[in-house]
């Protein structure tokens, strides 16, 4: 099952969609108070966003979403889409 949640940015007032892609049908989910946070680690380099970034998604759900978890770091694809559907 794939999951899709929405939030409005407090910075630019735009609506964003978070897609968590696993396999199967798509289900809408409720995102939490801080729905999508990007963190950067390490020193400042031009490659920082590519190599040393991480994201945290807050999901509010009444059950465990076991199919999101994967044994590998790149096992579950997550996309942040803007109002036009373009990947951020």
N, C-alpha and C. Protein backbone atom coordinates (compact mmCIF):
# COMPACT_ATOMS: atom_id res chain seq x y z
N UNK A 1 0.84 -1.17 0.00
CA UNK A 1 0.00 0.00 0.00
C UNK A 1 0.89 1.25 0.00
N UNK A 2 0.55 2.23 -0.78
CA UNK A 2 1.26 3.51 -0.78
C UNK A 2 0.44 4.52 0.00
N UNK A 3 1.11 5.56 0.51
CA UNK A 3 0.44 6.52 1.37
C UNK A 3 0.66 7.93 0.85
N UNK A 4 -0.34 8.79 1.09
CA UNK A 4 -0.28 10.16 0.62
C UNK A 4 -0.88 11.06 1.72
N UNK A 5 -0.13 12.11 2.07
CA UNK A 5 -0.61 13.07 3.06
C UNK A 5 -0.38 14.48 2.56
N UNK A 6 -1.11 15.43 3.13
CA UNK A 6 -1.06 16.82 2.66
C UNK A 6 -0.78 17.76 3.83
N UNK A 7 -0.13 18.89 3.51
CA UNK A 7 0.03 19.95 4.50
C UNK A 7 0.24 21.28 3.78
N UNK A 8 -0.06 22.36 4.49
CA UNK A 8 0.18 23.71 3.97
C UNK A 8 1.40 24.27 4.67
N UNK A 9 2.32 24.83 3.91
CA UNK A 9 3.54 25.40 4.46
C UNK A 9 3.24 26.70 5.20
N UNK A 10 3.87 26.88 6.37
CA UNK A 10 3.69 28.14 7.10
C UNK A 10 4.58 29.23 6.52
N UNK A 11 5.55 28.86 5.68
CA UNK A 11 6.49 29.82 5.11
C UNK A 11 5.97 30.46 3.83
N UNK A 12 5.54 29.63 2.89
CA UNK A 12 5.11 30.17 1.60
C UNK A 12 3.62 29.95 1.32
N UNK A 13 2.89 29.40 2.30
CA UNK A 13 1.43 29.21 2.21
C UNK A 13 1.01 28.30 1.07
N UNK A 14 1.91 27.49 0.55
CA UNK A 14 1.59 26.55 -0.52
C UNK A 14 1.18 25.20 0.06
N UNK A 15 0.41 24.46 -0.71
CA UNK A 15 0.00 23.12 -0.31
C UNK A 15 1.00 22.11 -0.87
N UNK A 16 1.43 21.20 -0.03
CA UNK A 16 2.39 20.17 -0.42
C UNK A 16 1.80 18.78 -0.19
N UNK A 17 2.27 17.83 -0.97
CA UNK A 17 1.85 16.44 -0.84
C UNK A 17 3.09 15.60 -0.53
N UNK A 18 2.98 14.75 0.47
CA UNK A 18 4.03 13.79 0.80
C UNK A 18 3.55 12.43 0.31
N UNK A 19 4.33 11.79 -0.56
CA UNK A 19 3.99 10.46 -1.04
C UNK A 19 5.01 9.47 -0.53
N UNK A 20 4.54 8.44 0.14
CA UNK A 20 5.38 7.34 0.60
C UNK A 20 5.01 6.16 -0.28
N UNK A 21 5.93 5.77 -1.14
CA UNK A 21 5.62 4.77 -2.15
C UNK A 21 6.14 3.41 -1.74
N UNK A 22 5.22 2.51 -1.54
CA UNK A 22 5.56 1.10 -1.33
C UNK A 22 4.96 0.36 -2.53
N UNK A 23 4.09 -0.60 -2.31
CA UNK A 23 3.45 -1.28 -3.43
C UNK A 23 1.96 -1.37 -3.16
N UNK A 24 1.18 -1.35 -4.21
CA UNK A 24 -0.26 -1.52 -4.07
C UNK A 24 -1.02 -0.21 -4.20
N UNK A 25 -2.22 -0.20 -3.65
CA UNK A 25 -3.11 0.96 -3.78
C UNK A 25 -2.63 2.11 -2.90
N UNK A 26 -3.13 3.31 -3.18
CA UNK A 26 -2.74 4.51 -2.43
C UNK A 26 -3.83 4.86 -1.42
N UNK A 27 -3.40 5.14 -0.19
CA UNK A 27 -4.31 5.51 0.89
C UNK A 27 -3.90 6.87 1.43
N UNK A 28 -4.87 7.74 1.68
CA UNK A 28 -4.58 9.03 2.30
C UNK A 28 -4.31 8.84 3.79
N UNK A 29 -3.32 9.56 4.31
CA UNK A 29 -2.97 9.50 5.72
C UNK A 29 -3.00 10.91 6.30
N UNK A 30 -3.07 10.99 7.61
CA UNK A 30 -3.04 12.27 8.30
C UNK A 30 -1.61 12.53 8.77
N UNK A 31 -1.08 13.69 8.41
CA UNK A 31 0.26 14.07 8.84
C UNK A 31 0.17 14.83 10.15
N UNK A 32 1.22 14.76 10.96
CA UNK A 32 1.22 15.36 12.28
C UNK A 32 1.54 16.84 12.28
N UNK A 33 1.79 17.37 13.47
CA UNK A 33 2.02 18.80 13.67
C UNK A 33 3.21 19.33 12.89
N UNK A 34 4.29 18.57 12.85
CA UNK A 34 5.47 18.91 12.03
C UNK A 34 5.55 17.87 10.92
N UNK A 35 4.83 18.04 9.82
CA UNK A 35 4.64 16.97 8.85
C UNK A 35 5.88 16.54 8.09
N UNK A 36 6.76 17.48 7.76
CA UNK A 36 7.92 17.13 6.94
C UNK A 36 9.08 18.03 7.33
N UNK A 37 10.13 17.45 7.84
CA UNK A 37 11.31 18.21 8.29
C UNK A 37 12.53 17.66 7.58
N UNK A 38 13.31 18.53 6.98
CA UNK A 38 14.57 18.14 6.35
C UNK A 38 15.71 18.62 7.22
N UNK A 39 16.64 17.71 7.50
CA UNK A 39 17.80 18.06 8.31
C UNK A 39 19.08 17.86 7.53
N UNK A 40 20.02 18.75 7.73
CA UNK A 40 21.32 18.65 7.08
C UNK A 40 22.38 18.42 8.14
N UNK A 41 23.30 17.51 7.87
CA UNK A 41 24.35 17.16 8.82
C UNK A 41 25.72 17.46 8.23
N UNK A 42 26.69 17.60 9.08
CA UNK A 42 28.06 17.79 8.61
C UNK A 42 28.38 19.23 8.28
N UNK A 43 29.53 19.42 7.67
CA UNK A 43 29.96 20.77 7.32
C UNK A 43 29.27 21.25 6.05
N UNK A 44 29.43 22.50 5.74
CA UNK A 44 28.77 23.09 4.58
C UNK A 44 29.62 22.86 3.33
N UNK A 45 29.05 22.12 2.39
CA UNK A 45 29.68 21.90 1.09
C UNK A 45 28.60 22.05 0.03
N UNK A 46 29.00 22.14 -1.21
CA UNK A 46 28.00 22.25 -2.27
C UNK A 46 27.23 20.94 -2.44
N UNK A 47 27.75 19.83 -1.92
CA UNK A 47 27.08 18.54 -2.04
C UNK A 47 26.22 18.21 -0.83
N UNK A 48 26.16 19.11 0.13
CA UNK A 48 25.45 18.87 1.37
C UNK A 48 24.01 18.37 1.17
N UNK A 49 23.18 19.01 0.34
CA UNK A 49 21.81 18.51 0.18
C UNK A 49 21.73 17.11 -0.42
N UNK A 50 22.73 16.71 -1.17
CA UNK A 50 22.70 15.40 -1.81
C UNK A 50 23.22 14.29 -0.90
N UNK A 51 24.28 14.55 -0.16
CA UNK A 51 24.95 13.49 0.58
C UNK A 51 24.59 13.43 2.06
N UNK A 52 24.31 14.55 2.67
CA UNK A 52 24.19 14.57 4.12
C UNK A 52 22.83 15.05 4.60
N UNK A 53 21.78 14.73 3.89
CA UNK A 53 20.47 15.19 4.30
C UNK A 53 19.62 14.02 4.76
N UNK A 54 18.65 14.33 5.58
CA UNK A 54 17.68 13.34 6.04
C UNK A 54 16.34 14.02 6.17
N UNK A 55 15.28 13.25 6.18
CA UNK A 55 13.94 13.81 6.31
C UNK A 55 13.18 13.02 7.36
N UNK A 56 12.32 13.72 8.08
CA UNK A 56 11.45 13.10 9.08
C UNK A 56 10.01 13.45 8.72
N UNK A 57 9.16 12.44 8.66
CA UNK A 57 7.75 12.63 8.36
C UNK A 57 6.97 12.20 9.59
N UNK A 58 6.07 13.06 10.06
CA UNK A 58 5.22 12.74 11.20
C UNK A 58 3.87 12.28 10.68
N UNK A 59 3.51 11.02 11.00
CA UNK A 59 2.26 10.43 10.55
C UNK A 59 1.41 10.11 11.77
N UNK A 60 0.13 10.48 11.71
CA UNK A 60 -0.82 10.15 12.77
C UNK A 60 -1.77 9.10 12.19
N UNK A 61 -1.73 7.89 12.76
CA UNK A 61 -2.55 6.80 12.23
C UNK A 61 -2.95 5.89 13.38
N UNK A 62 -4.07 5.20 13.24
CA UNK A 62 -4.54 4.34 14.31
C UNK A 62 -3.97 2.93 14.26
N UNK A 63 -3.06 2.66 13.35
CA UNK A 63 -2.46 1.34 13.20
C UNK A 63 -1.00 1.50 12.77
N UNK A 64 -0.22 0.44 12.90
CA UNK A 64 1.16 0.47 12.43
C UNK A 64 1.19 0.32 10.92
N UNK A 65 2.04 1.08 10.28
CA UNK A 65 2.20 1.02 8.82
C UNK A 65 3.47 0.23 8.52
N UNK A 66 3.43 -1.07 8.76
CA UNK A 66 4.62 -1.91 8.66
C UNK A 66 5.24 -1.92 7.27
N UNK A 67 4.47 -1.75 6.22
CA UNK A 67 5.03 -1.83 4.88
C UNK A 67 5.88 -0.62 4.52
N UNK A 68 5.91 0.41 5.37
CA UNK A 68 6.79 1.56 5.15
C UNK A 68 8.24 1.21 5.49
N UNK A 69 8.43 0.38 6.50
CA UNK A 69 9.77 0.06 6.99
C UNK A 69 10.46 -0.92 6.06
N UNK A 70 11.78 -0.72 5.90
CA UNK A 70 12.56 -1.53 5.00
C UNK A 70 13.92 -1.78 5.60
N UNK A 71 14.53 -2.90 5.27
CA UNK A 71 15.83 -3.27 5.81
C UNK A 71 16.96 -2.41 5.27
N UNK A 72 16.75 -1.78 4.12
CA UNK A 72 17.81 -0.95 3.54
C UNK A 72 17.43 0.52 3.67
N UNK A 73 18.42 1.38 3.68
CA UNK A 73 18.19 2.81 3.86
C UNK A 73 17.42 3.41 2.69
N UNK A 74 17.56 2.85 1.50
CA UNK A 74 16.89 3.38 0.32
C UNK A 74 15.69 2.53 -0.09
N UNK A 75 15.14 1.75 0.80
CA UNK A 75 14.09 0.81 0.45
C UNK A 75 12.72 1.40 0.22
N UNK A 76 12.41 2.54 0.79
CA UNK A 76 11.10 3.16 0.64
C UNK A 76 11.28 4.54 0.02
N UNK A 77 10.61 4.77 -1.10
CA UNK A 77 10.74 6.06 -1.79
C UNK A 77 9.74 7.05 -1.22
N UNK A 78 10.23 8.25 -0.89
CA UNK A 78 9.39 9.32 -0.38
C UNK A 78 9.57 10.53 -1.30
N UNK A 79 8.45 11.14 -1.70
CA UNK A 79 8.49 12.32 -2.57
C UNK A 79 7.73 13.45 -1.91
N UNK A 80 8.25 14.66 -2.07
CA UNK A 80 7.57 15.88 -1.63
C UNK A 80 7.18 16.63 -2.89
N UNK A 81 5.87 16.77 -3.12
CA UNK A 81 5.36 17.40 -4.33
C UNK A 81 4.75 18.75 -4.01
N UNK A 82 4.94 19.72 -4.88
CA UNK A 82 4.32 21.04 -4.69
C UNK A 82 2.92 21.03 -5.30
N UNK A 83 2.27 22.18 -5.32
CA UNK A 83 0.89 22.28 -5.81
C UNK A 83 0.73 21.84 -7.26
N UNK A 84 1.79 21.97 -8.03
CA UNK A 84 1.75 21.61 -9.45
C UNK A 84 2.11 20.15 -9.70
N UNK A 85 2.46 19.42 -8.64
CA UNK A 85 2.84 18.03 -8.78
C UNK A 85 4.31 17.81 -9.07
N UNK A 86 5.10 18.88 -9.05
CA UNK A 86 6.54 18.78 -9.29
C UNK A 86 7.25 18.35 -8.02
N UNK A 87 8.27 17.55 -8.16
CA UNK A 87 9.03 17.07 -7.01
C UNK A 87 9.91 18.19 -6.48
N UNK A 88 9.85 18.35 -5.17
CA UNK A 88 10.67 19.35 -4.49
C UNK A 88 11.97 18.70 -4.05
